[in-house]
N, C-alpha and C. Protein backbone atom coordinates (compact mmCIF):
# COMPACT_ATOMS: atom_id res chain seq x y z
N UNK A 1 -80.68 8.96 52.97
CA UNK A 1 -81.13 9.87 54.48
C UNK A 1 -80.03 10.15 55.48
N UNK A 2 -79.27 8.83 55.19
CA UNK A 2 -78.29 8.50 56.75
C UNK A 2 -77.28 9.88 56.38
N UNK A 3 -77.11 9.66 54.80
CA UNK A 3 -75.55 10.60 54.40
C UNK A 3 -76.11 11.91 54.89
N UNK A 4 -77.25 12.25 54.14
CA UNK A 4 -77.78 14.05 54.15
C UNK A 4 -77.56 13.71 56.22
N UNK A 5 -78.34 13.53 56.84
CA UNK A 5 -78.27 13.41 57.45
C UNK A 5 -76.75 13.43 58.47
N UNK A 6 -75.57 12.62 58.32
CA UNK A 6 -74.00 12.89 58.99
C UNK A 6 -73.57 14.30 58.11
N UNK A 7 -74.29 14.50 56.95
CA UNK A 7 -73.48 15.82 56.33
C UNK A 7 -74.04 16.77 57.35
N UNK A 8 -75.23 16.90 57.64
CA UNK A 8 -75.58 18.14 58.22
C UNK A 8 -75.13 18.11 59.79
N UNK A 9 -74.73 17.10 60.71
CA UNK A 9 -74.39 16.91 61.48
C UNK A 9 -73.10 17.51 61.59
N UNK A 10 -72.19 17.22 60.32
CA UNK A 10 -70.88 17.79 60.24
C UNK A 10 -70.86 19.23 59.64
N UNK A 11 -71.64 19.85 59.40
CA UNK A 11 -72.02 21.27 58.71
C UNK A 11 -72.01 21.72 60.02
N UNK A 12 -73.03 21.55 60.99
CA UNK A 12 -73.04 21.63 61.98
C UNK A 12 -72.18 22.26 63.23
N UNK A 13 -71.41 21.09 63.57
CA UNK A 13 -70.29 20.65 63.71
C UNK A 13 -69.34 22.23 63.65
N UNK A 14 -68.96 22.12 61.97
CA UNK A 14 -68.15 23.12 61.56
C UNK A 14 -68.78 24.54 61.83
N UNK A 15 -70.17 24.66 61.61
CA UNK A 15 -71.01 25.86 61.37
C UNK A 15 -70.26 26.43 63.09
N UNK A 16 -71.06 25.58 64.31
CA UNK A 16 -70.68 26.09 65.86
C UNK A 16 -69.28 25.95 65.72
N UNK A 17 -68.05 25.92 65.49
CA UNK A 17 -66.32 26.05 65.90
C UNK A 17 -66.46 27.52 64.81
N UNK A 18 -67.09 27.32 63.59
CA UNK A 18 -66.66 29.10 63.00
C UNK A 18 -67.72 30.28 63.52
N UNK A 19 -68.64 29.77 64.31
CA UNK A 19 -69.45 30.68 64.83
C UNK A 19 -68.93 30.98 66.27
N UNK A 20 -68.01 30.26 66.92
CA UNK A 20 -66.83 30.70 67.78
C UNK A 20 -65.87 31.64 67.32
N UNK A 21 -65.35 31.24 65.75
CA UNK A 21 -64.78 32.43 65.80
C UNK A 21 -64.68 33.50 65.27
N UNK A 22 -66.30 33.30 64.72
CA UNK A 22 -66.60 34.80 64.22
C UNK A 22 -67.11 35.40 65.65
N UNK A 23 -68.10 35.25 65.97
CA UNK A 23 -68.82 35.60 67.21
C UNK A 23 -67.11 36.39 68.21
N UNK A 24 -66.06 35.54 68.82
CA UNK A 24 -65.62 36.01 69.08
C UNK A 24 -64.81 36.86 68.92
N UNK A 25 -64.11 36.49 67.29
CA UNK A 25 -63.56 37.87 66.95
C UNK A 25 -63.92 39.24 66.95
N UNK A 26 -65.60 39.63 66.45
CA UNK A 26 -66.70 40.26 66.61
C UNK A 26 -66.67 41.11 67.96
N UNK A 27 -66.71 40.26 68.94
CA UNK A 27 -66.68 40.59 70.20
C UNK A 27 -65.00 41.42 70.90
N UNK A 28 -64.02 40.63 70.34
CA UNK A 28 -62.72 41.47 70.25
C UNK A 28 -62.15 42.56 69.85
N UNK A 29 -62.88 42.70 68.72
CA UNK A 29 -62.59 44.15 68.20
C UNK A 29 -63.50 44.97 68.50
N UNK A 30 -64.49 44.64 68.42
CA UNK A 30 -65.61 45.39 68.61
C UNK A 30 -65.19 46.15 70.11
N UNK A 31 -65.62 44.92 70.99
CA UNK A 31 -64.93 45.83 72.59
C UNK A 31 -63.82 46.25 72.92
N UNK A 32 -62.45 45.27 72.68
CA UNK A 32 -61.37 45.90 73.05
C UNK A 32 -60.58 46.68 71.82
N UNK A 33 -60.73 46.52 70.84
CA UNK A 33 -59.82 47.44 69.80
C UNK A 33 -60.89 48.77 69.39
N UNK A 34 -62.53 48.88 70.11
CA UNK A 34 -62.91 49.95 69.50
C UNK A 34 -63.78 50.22 67.35
N UNK A 35 -63.19 49.24 67.42
CA UNK A 35 -63.80 49.29 65.71
C UNK A 35 -65.36 49.03 66.01
N UNK A 36 -65.77 49.92 64.90
CA UNK A 36 -67.61 49.86 64.57
C UNK A 36 -67.82 48.29 64.22
N UNK A 37 -69.02 47.79 64.93
CA UNK A 37 -69.53 46.33 64.55
C UNK A 37 -69.57 45.75 63.22
N UNK A 38 -69.84 46.53 62.72
CA UNK A 38 -69.96 45.99 61.40
C UNK A 38 -68.75 45.92 60.36
N UNK A 39 -67.64 46.32 61.29
CA UNK A 39 -66.39 46.57 60.23
C UNK A 39 -65.74 44.96 61.26
N UNK A 40 -66.00 45.24 62.45
CA UNK A 40 -65.57 44.14 63.21
C UNK A 40 -66.36 42.86 62.35
N UNK A 41 -67.60 43.06 62.42
CA UNK A 41 -67.99 41.85 61.56
C UNK A 41 -67.62 41.27 60.46
N UNK A 42 -67.53 42.78 59.52
CA UNK A 42 -66.87 41.67 58.44
C UNK A 42 -65.22 41.14 58.68
N UNK A 43 -64.29 41.54 59.57
CA UNK A 43 -62.85 40.89 59.96
C UNK A 43 -63.27 40.01 60.29
N UNK A 44 -64.50 39.62 61.30
CA UNK A 44 -64.82 38.00 61.82
C UNK A 44 -65.21 37.08 61.06
N UNK A 45 -66.24 37.54 60.13
CA UNK A 45 -66.73 36.42 59.25
C UNK A 45 -65.69 36.15 58.39
N UNK A 46 -64.93 37.05 57.92
CA UNK A 46 -63.63 36.56 56.88
C UNK A 46 -63.15 35.35 57.61
N UNK A 47 -62.69 36.07 58.73
CA UNK A 47 -62.10 34.72 59.29
C UNK A 47 -62.52 33.56 59.27
N UNK A 48 -63.82 33.65 60.02
CA UNK A 48 -64.48 32.20 59.97
C UNK A 48 -64.55 31.57 58.51
N UNK A 49 -64.89 32.25 57.43
CA UNK A 49 -64.95 31.64 56.31
C UNK A 49 -64.03 30.91 55.84
N UNK A 50 -62.58 31.40 56.04
CA UNK A 50 -61.01 30.55 55.46
C UNK A 50 -61.70 29.35 56.78
N UNK A 51 -61.95 29.30 57.94
CA UNK A 51 -61.99 28.27 58.28
C UNK A 51 -63.00 27.24 57.95
N UNK A 52 -64.24 28.19 57.62
CA UNK A 52 -65.66 27.00 57.18
C UNK A 52 -64.95 26.66 55.84
N UNK A 53 -64.47 26.99 54.94
CA UNK A 53 -63.77 26.84 53.66
C UNK A 53 -63.23 25.24 53.59
N UNK A 54 -61.90 25.69 54.16
CA UNK A 54 -61.19 24.23 54.54
C UNK A 54 -62.02 23.00 55.29
N UNK A 55 -62.72 23.56 56.39
CA UNK A 55 -63.07 21.99 56.63
C UNK A 55 -64.39 21.44 56.25
N UNK A 56 -65.15 22.65 54.73
CA UNK A 56 -66.31 22.49 54.22
C UNK A 56 -65.96 21.73 53.21
N UNK A 57 -64.38 21.52 52.68
CA UNK A 57 -63.70 21.65 51.15
C UNK A 57 -63.40 19.86 51.93
N UNK A 58 -62.69 19.63 52.86
CA UNK A 58 -62.49 18.53 53.04
C UNK A 58 -62.71 17.53 54.03
N UNK A 59 -64.25 18.07 55.08
CA UNK A 59 -64.36 17.20 55.95
C UNK A 59 -66.19 17.26 55.23
N UNK A 60 -66.99 18.00 54.90
CA UNK A 60 -67.98 18.39 54.93
C UNK A 60 -68.91 17.76 54.00
N UNK A 61 -68.39 18.39 52.74
CA UNK A 61 -69.48 17.89 51.26
C UNK A 61 -68.24 17.25 50.18
N UNK A 62 -68.98 16.62 50.07
CA UNK A 62 -68.35 15.96 48.97
C UNK A 62 -67.96 16.56 47.37
N UNK A 63 -66.94 17.02 47.18
CA UNK A 63 -66.61 18.47 46.66
C UNK A 63 -66.45 17.70 45.47
N UNK A 64 -67.02 18.20 44.09
CA UNK A 64 -67.38 17.75 42.34
C UNK A 64 -65.51 18.11 41.95
N UNK A 65 -64.53 16.65 41.94
CA UNK A 65 -63.79 16.60 41.83
C UNK A 65 -63.03 17.02 40.02
N UNK A 66 -64.29 17.20 39.30
CA UNK A 66 -63.76 17.69 37.90
C UNK A 66 -63.55 19.27 37.82
N UNK A 67 -64.40 19.46 38.98
CA UNK A 67 -64.01 21.49 39.06
C UNK A 67 -62.48 21.59 39.85
N UNK A 68 -62.13 22.62 39.20
CA UNK A 68 -60.35 22.66 40.07
C UNK A 68 -61.03 23.36 41.21
N UNK A 69 -59.87 23.50 42.07
CA UNK A 69 -59.75 23.70 43.33
C UNK A 69 -59.47 25.31 43.04
N UNK A 70 -59.29 25.87 41.91
CA UNK A 70 -59.52 27.41 41.85
C UNK A 70 -61.29 27.68 41.73
N UNK A 71 -61.56 26.53 40.48
CA UNK A 71 -63.17 27.17 40.66
C UNK A 71 -64.32 26.50 42.27
N UNK A 72 -64.03 25.62 42.61
CA UNK A 72 -64.44 25.79 43.73
C UNK A 72 -64.02 26.45 45.23
N UNK A 73 -63.24 27.29 45.29
CA UNK A 73 -63.40 28.61 46.22
C UNK A 73 -63.46 30.07 45.43
N UNK A 74 -63.76 30.32 44.02
CA UNK A 74 -63.90 30.77 43.73
C UNK A 74 -66.16 30.72 43.86
N UNK A 75 -65.98 29.76 43.86
CA UNK A 75 -67.28 29.72 43.87
C UNK A 75 -68.27 29.70 45.17
N UNK A 76 -67.03 28.91 46.31
CA UNK A 76 -66.96 29.13 47.72
C UNK A 76 -67.02 30.77 48.31
N UNK A 77 -66.33 31.17 47.89
CA UNK A 77 -65.69 32.59 47.71
C UNK A 77 -66.48 34.09 47.70
N UNK A 78 -67.49 33.28 46.48
CA UNK A 78 -68.84 34.39 45.62
C UNK A 78 -70.00 33.80 46.83
N UNK A 79 -70.33 33.40 47.45
CA UNK A 79 -71.03 32.44 47.97
C UNK A 79 -70.94 32.92 49.34
N UNK A 80 -69.89 33.22 50.25
CA UNK A 80 -69.56 33.31 50.80
C UNK A 80 -69.45 34.87 50.98
N UNK A 81 -69.04 35.65 49.90
CA UNK A 81 -69.50 37.50 49.83
C UNK A 81 -71.03 37.36 49.96
N UNK A 82 -71.84 36.42 49.63
CA UNK A 82 -73.19 37.37 49.59
C UNK A 82 -73.42 36.97 50.89
N UNK A 83 -73.23 35.53 51.75
CA UNK A 83 -73.12 35.80 52.97
C UNK A 83 -72.85 36.93 53.92
N UNK A 84 -71.70 37.29 53.30
CA UNK A 84 -71.31 38.44 54.24
C UNK A 84 -72.59 39.52 54.20
N UNK A 85 -72.60 40.13 52.91
CA UNK A 85 -73.50 40.81 52.60
C UNK A 85 -75.22 40.98 53.46
N UNK A 86 -75.26 39.63 53.31
CA UNK A 86 -76.74 38.92 54.42
C UNK A 86 -76.61 39.25 55.79
N UNK A 87 -75.49 39.06 56.30
CA UNK A 87 -75.37 39.26 57.04
C UNK A 87 -74.71 40.31 58.01
N UNK A 88 -74.43 41.04 57.15
CA UNK A 88 -73.71 42.47 57.19
C UNK A 88 -75.44 43.39 57.44
N UNK A 89 -76.83 43.18 56.51
CA UNK A 89 -77.92 44.18 55.77
C UNK A 89 -78.29 43.23 57.37
N UNK A 90 -78.98 42.31 58.08
CA UNK A 90 -79.46 42.06 58.92
C UNK A 90 -79.10 42.74 60.30
N UNK A 91 -77.51 42.68 60.45
CA UNK A 91 -77.24 42.87 61.43
C UNK A 91 -76.77 44.37 61.94
N UNK A 92 -76.90 45.22 60.65
CA UNK A 92 -77.25 46.98 60.45
C UNK A 92 -78.83 46.99 60.94
N UNK A 93 -79.99 46.39 60.31
CA UNK A 93 -81.23 46.49 60.07
C UNK A 93 -81.61 46.46 62.01
N UNK A 94 -80.83 45.22 62.18
CA UNK A 94 -81.23 44.66 63.95
C UNK A 94 -81.02 45.52 64.05
N UNK A 95 -79.57 45.88 64.80
CA UNK A 95 -79.13 47.25 65.61
C UNK A 95 -79.42 48.58 65.35
N UNK A 96 -79.49 49.12 64.38
CA UNK A 96 -79.71 50.08 64.36
C UNK A 96 -81.24 51.13 64.17
N UNK A 97 -81.15 49.99 63.81
CA UNK A 97 -83.21 50.15 63.52
C UNK A 97 -84.02 49.13 64.25
N UNK A 98 -83.41 48.33 64.42
CA UNK A 98 -84.63 47.52 66.00
C UNK A 98 -83.30 47.47 67.19
N UNK A 99 -82.74 48.59 67.20
CA UNK A 99 -82.28 48.58 68.41
C UNK A 99 -81.77 47.44 69.46
N UNK A 100 -81.32 46.52 68.59
CA UNK A 100 -81.06 45.28 69.31
C UNK A 100 -79.52 44.92 69.66
N UNK A 101 -79.08 44.33 70.21
CA UNK A 101 -77.56 44.97 70.61
C UNK A 101 -76.83 43.96 69.33
N UNK A 102 -75.62 44.44 69.28
CA UNK A 102 -74.82 43.99 67.98
C UNK A 102 -74.67 42.37 67.80
N UNK A 103 -74.38 42.03 69.71
CA UNK A 103 -74.24 40.14 69.98
C UNK A 103 -74.83 39.47 69.94
N UNK A 104 -76.47 40.25 70.05
CA UNK A 104 -77.46 39.16 70.24
C UNK A 104 -78.10 39.36 68.72
N UNK A 105 -77.81 40.31 67.61
CA UNK A 105 -77.88 40.21 66.37
C UNK A 105 -77.26 39.64 65.72
N UNK A 106 -76.12 39.36 66.11
CA UNK A 106 -75.39 38.38 65.39
C UNK A 106 -75.99 36.43 65.51
N UNK A 107 -76.20 36.57 66.31
CA UNK A 107 -76.69 35.25 66.50
C UNK A 107 -77.62 34.92 65.97
N UNK A 108 -79.17 35.79 65.53
CA UNK A 108 -79.90 35.77 64.35
C UNK A 108 -79.29 35.52 63.26
N UNK A 109 -78.40 36.80 62.64
CA UNK A 109 -78.09 37.19 61.21
C UNK A 109 -77.31 35.71 60.65
N UNK A 110 -76.31 34.50 62.00
CA UNK A 110 -75.87 34.05 61.85
C UNK A 110 -77.07 32.93 61.90
N UNK A 111 -77.86 32.87 62.45
CA UNK A 111 -78.92 31.32 61.89
C UNK A 111 -79.57 31.72 60.90
N UNK A 112 -79.77 32.36 59.69
CA UNK A 112 -80.25 33.14 58.71
C UNK A 112 -79.14 32.43 57.78
N UNK A 113 -78.19 32.98 57.77
CA UNK A 113 -76.81 33.49 56.69
C UNK A 113 -76.44 31.21 56.90
N UNK A 114 -76.77 31.07 58.13
CA UNK A 114 -76.22 29.39 57.66
C UNK A 114 -77.08 28.44 57.03
N UNK A 115 -78.45 28.76 57.24
CA UNK A 115 -79.29 28.30 55.93
C UNK A 115 -78.95 28.22 55.24
N UNK A 116 -78.45 29.68 54.66
CA UNK A 116 -78.19 30.21 53.19
C UNK A 116 -76.46 29.53 52.48
N UNK A 117 -76.13 28.96 53.97
CA UNK A 117 -74.63 28.63 53.58
C UNK A 117 -75.09 27.09 53.15
N UNK A 118 -75.65 26.06 54.06
CA UNK A 118 -75.82 24.92 53.45
C UNK A 118 -76.58 24.54 52.31
N UNK A 119 -77.41 25.41 52.42
CA UNK A 119 -77.90 25.53 50.89
C UNK A 119 -77.47 25.56 49.41
N UNK A 120 -76.86 26.65 49.47
CA UNK A 120 -76.18 27.30 48.60
C UNK A 120 -74.74 26.17 48.39
N UNK A 121 -73.95 25.52 49.45
CA UNK A 121 -72.67 24.91 48.97
C UNK A 121 -73.41 23.71 49.00
N UNK A 122 -74.09 22.83 49.26
CA UNK A 122 -74.68 21.70 48.58
C UNK A 122 -75.19 21.88 47.07
N UNK A 123 -75.91 22.56 46.99
CA UNK A 123 -76.11 23.11 45.00
C UNK A 123 -74.73 23.51 44.39
N UNK A 124 -74.67 24.23 44.30
CA UNK A 124 -73.02 24.68 43.77
C UNK A 124 -71.80 24.04 44.25
N UNK A 125 -71.12 23.28 45.14
CA UNK A 125 -69.93 22.56 45.46
C UNK A 125 -70.38 21.08 45.29
N UNK A 126 -71.26 20.45 45.66
CA UNK A 126 -71.15 19.42 46.07
C UNK A 126 -71.34 18.51 44.60
N UNK A 127 -70.55 17.20 44.49
CA UNK A 127 -70.54 16.80 43.53
C UNK A 127 -72.17 15.71 43.13
N UNK A 128 -72.04 16.32 41.59
CA UNK A 128 -73.74 15.54 41.41
C UNK A 128 -73.86 13.70 40.91
N UNK A 129 -74.46 12.94 41.32
CA UNK A 129 -74.42 12.00 41.77
C UNK A 129 -75.16 11.14 40.12
């Protein structure tokens, strides 16, 4: 249980930093560059995924060493694409149908995707004991 608690804490730290990257780029690209919030969101989410991948593989999860780095990255990328789709769907529904400001919607979408990310990465990337 202690190991899981430490892992959740590390995941939270990495996730928090990834959120700063994601949220900051989203605001920057939307407000200063003038991109649509969904385009900005896809770009910012992708940048945060790269950061998150590096940190997750080397610090958060005990990655299955029997899988090649290519296999691990492919699994991570596939899970991340699903996470991006979930993020975009939630943002679109909240902004376009719920009239919620895109930066507020991003916070809620991120919370949902964070839970999805932890569960799926733990199931598919971590070494089985």
